N, C-alpha and C. Protein backbone atom coordinates (compact mmCIF):
# COMPACT_ATOMS: atom_id res chain seq x y z
N MET A 1 -57.15 76.30 219.14
CA MET A 1 -57.79 75.50 219.21
C MET A 1 -58.28 74.26 217.54
N LYS A 2 -58.26 75.56 216.78
CA LYS A 2 -58.49 74.62 215.46
C LYS A 2 -57.23 73.95 215.11
N LYS A 3 -55.89 74.34 215.50
CA LYS A 3 -54.66 73.77 215.28
C LYS A 3 -54.64 72.71 215.72
N ASN A 4 -55.05 72.36 217.05
CA ASN A 4 -55.15 71.59 217.61
C ASN A 4 -55.76 70.03 216.74
N ALA A 5 -57.00 70.85 216.20
CA ALA A 5 -58.21 70.01 216.00
C ALA A 5 -57.29 69.10 214.89
N ILE A 6 -56.49 69.68 214.10
CA ILE A 6 -55.68 69.60 213.14
C ILE A 6 -54.88 68.56 213.07
N PHE A 7 -53.98 68.87 214.38
CA PHE A 7 -52.81 68.28 214.60
C PHE A 7 -53.14 66.65 214.96
N VAL A 8 -55.19 67.00 215.48
CA VAL A 8 -55.07 65.66 216.04
C VAL A 8 -55.79 64.75 214.68
N HIS A 9 -56.52 65.50 213.97
CA HIS A 9 -57.14 64.77 213.09
C HIS A 9 -55.98 64.11 212.15
N LYS A 10 -54.94 64.31 211.68
CA LYS A 10 -53.19 63.87 211.13
C LYS A 10 -53.00 62.81 212.19
N ALA A 11 -52.57 62.71 213.19
CA ALA A 11 -52.26 61.74 213.93
C ALA A 11 -53.46 60.64 213.87
N GLU A 12 -54.87 61.11 213.51
CA GLU A 12 -55.74 60.37 213.28
C GLU A 12 -55.35 58.94 212.31
N LYS A 13 -55.27 60.29 210.96
CA LYS A 13 -54.95 59.84 209.96
C LYS A 13 -53.84 58.50 210.02
N VAL A 14 -52.61 59.33 210.09
CA VAL A 14 -51.05 58.51 210.27
C VAL A 14 -51.31 57.19 210.72
N ARG A 15 -52.25 57.18 212.43
CA ARG A 15 -52.45 55.67 212.76
C ARG A 15 -53.19 55.04 211.92
N TYR A 16 -53.97 55.56 211.57
CA TYR A 16 -55.19 54.42 210.63
C TYR A 16 -54.22 53.79 209.17
N THR A 17 -53.13 55.08 208.78
CA THR A 17 -52.65 54.46 207.96
C THR A 17 -51.50 53.12 208.08
N ILE A 18 -51.24 53.59 209.35
CA ILE A 18 -49.81 52.49 209.95
C ILE A 18 -51.12 50.98 210.34
N THR A 19 -51.81 51.12 210.75
CA THR A 19 -52.80 49.73 210.72
C THR A 19 -53.19 49.25 209.50
N LEU A 20 -53.30 50.64 208.59
CA LEU A 20 -53.61 49.31 207.49
C LEU A 20 -52.31 48.61 207.04
N MET A 21 -51.23 49.48 206.73
CA MET A 21 -50.23 49.20 206.66
C MET A 21 -49.79 47.47 207.16
N GLN A 22 -49.98 47.81 208.72
CA GLN A 22 -49.90 46.11 209.31
C GLN A 22 -50.59 45.35 208.63
N GLY A 23 -52.36 45.44 208.79
CA GLY A 23 -53.11 44.52 208.46
C GLY A 23 -52.79 43.91 207.17
N ARG A 24 -52.30 44.27 205.93
CA ARG A 24 -51.71 43.45 204.81
C ARG A 24 -50.28 43.72 204.54
N CYS A 25 -50.00 43.00 203.49
CA CYS A 25 -48.53 41.80 203.66
C CYS A 25 -48.08 43.13 203.49
N PRO A 26 -46.58 43.42 204.29
CA PRO A 26 -45.55 44.67 204.45
C PRO A 26 -45.06 44.95 203.00
N ALA A 27 -44.82 44.18 202.45
CA ALA A 27 -43.84 43.42 200.80
C ALA A 27 -44.83 44.02 200.10
N GLU A 28 -46.46 43.88 200.19
CA GLU A 28 -47.05 44.45 199.58
C GLU A 28 -46.78 45.81 198.87
N LYS A 29 -46.14 46.91 200.12
CA LYS A 29 -46.54 48.36 199.57
C LYS A 29 -44.81 48.41 199.25
N TYR A 30 -43.93 47.98 198.45
CA TYR A 30 -42.74 47.89 198.28
C TYR A 30 -42.64 47.28 197.00
N LYS A 31 -43.20 46.09 196.73
CA LYS A 31 -43.39 45.69 195.62
C LYS A 31 -43.05 46.88 194.41
């Protein structure tokens, strides 16, 4: 149960990061 919760939390973080990256100019990250 705990492992699953951690996995979900990680997935949420990744999704949040991707959304953030998409919201900004992609070139900004690789500058």
